[in-house]
Protein backbone atom coordinates (compact mmCIF):
# COMPACT_ATOMS: atom_id res chain seq x y z
CA UNK A 1 8.40 40.00 28.52
CA UNK A 2 5.87 38.63 30.83
CA UNK A 3 3.41 37.90 28.05
CA UNK A 4 6.05 36.15 25.97
CA UNK A 5 6.92 33.96 28.98
CA UNK A 6 3.23 33.10 29.52
CA UNK A 7 2.58 32.37 25.85
CA UNK A 8 5.52 29.98 25.68
CA UNK A 9 4.53 28.35 28.95
CA UNK A 10 8.24 28.47 29.82
CA UNK A 11 7.95 30.31 33.16
CA UNK A 12 10.84 31.99 35.12
CA UNK A 13 12.74 29.96 37.50
CA UNK A 14 15.71 30.97 39.63
CA UNK A 15 17.62 31.81 36.50
CA UNK A 16 16.38 34.71 34.04
CA UNK A 17 17.89 37.38 31.88
CA UNK A 18 18.72 40.52 33.56
CA UNK A 19 19.94 42.90 30.76
CA UNK A 20 17.70 44.30 28.07
CA UNK A 21 19.70 42.39 25.45
CA UNK A 22 19.49 39.21 27.30
CA UNK A 23 15.42 39.46 27.77
CA UNK A 24 15.37 40.35 23.92
CA UNK A 25 17.55 37.01 23.17
CA UNK A 26 15.26 35.17 25.59
CA UNK A 27 11.94 36.29 23.70
CA UNK A 28 13.58 35.55 20.46
CA UNK A 29 14.48 32.21 21.55
CA UNK A 30 11.08 31.35 23.12
CA UNK A 31 9.28 32.48 19.93
CA UNK A 32 11.58 30.56 17.60
CA UNK A 33 10.85 27.54 19.86
CA UNK A 34 7.17 27.93 19.29
CA UNK A 35 7.48 28.47 15.54
CA UNK A 36 9.86 25.49 15.19
CA UNK A 37 7.50 23.10 17.12
CA UNK A 38 4.69 24.41 15.12
CA UNK A 39 6.43 23.89 11.84
CA UNK A 40 7.46 20.21 12.75
CA UNK A 41 3.89 19.53 13.88
CA UNK A 42 2.45 20.95 10.65
CA UNK A 43 4.80 19.02 8.52
CA UNK A 44 4.13 15.71 10.27
CA UNK A 45 0.28 16.30 10.18
CA UNK A 46 0.57 17.45 6.50
CA UNK A 47 2.42 13.97 5.62
CA UNK A 48 -0.08 11.90 7.50
CA UNK A 49 -3.04 13.73 5.91
CA UNK A 50 -1.68 13.62 2.41
CA UNK A 51 -0.85 9.94 2.69
CA UNK A 52 -4.06 9.02 3.88
CA UNK A 53 -6.00 11.09 1.30
CA UNK A 54 -3.95 9.75 -1.72
CA UNK A 55 -4.32 6.13 -0.93
CA UNK A 56 -7.38 6.01 1.12
CA UNK A 57 -7.99 3.58 3.97
CA UNK A 58 -8.66 0.04 2.42
CA UNK A 59 -11.28 -1.25 4.93
CA UNK A 60 -12.04 -4.48 3.10
CA UNK A 61 -8.41 -5.77 3.13
CA UNK A 62 -7.97 -4.63 6.85
CA UNK A 63 -11.02 -6.71 7.87
CA UNK A 64 -9.61 -9.71 5.86
CA UNK A 65 -6.35 -9.25 7.61
CA UNK A 66 -8.10 -9.13 10.92
CA UNK A 67 -10.05 -12.24 10.16
CA UNK A 68 -7.03 -14.12 9.16
CA UNK A 69 -5.05 -13.06 12.36
CA UNK A 70 -8.32 -14.13 14.40
CA UNK A 71 -8.38 -17.44 12.74
CA UNK A 72 -4.79 -18.06 13.77
CA UNK A 73 -5.56 -17.50 17.32
CA UNK A 74 -8.91 -19.62 17.39
CA UNK A 75 -8.91 -22.95 19.42
CA UNK A 76 -7.91 -25.95 17.70
CA UNK A 77 -5.15 -24.45 15.63
């Protein structure tokens, strides 16, 4: 139980499960929390990586956009 608490960085406070069933339920919830957080993070990362790899960064148009924006802020305009 201490290993699972350390792994999930939950830490025990003033309230903690006393019964065996409560400890098992707490471990399951902590591990499911890690799994859910990992799945959400992986999904977002996968989306961002696939979006970039299919379209690729268009540096030329980005530079043109920045130059156009810089021209808007130049003195005399």
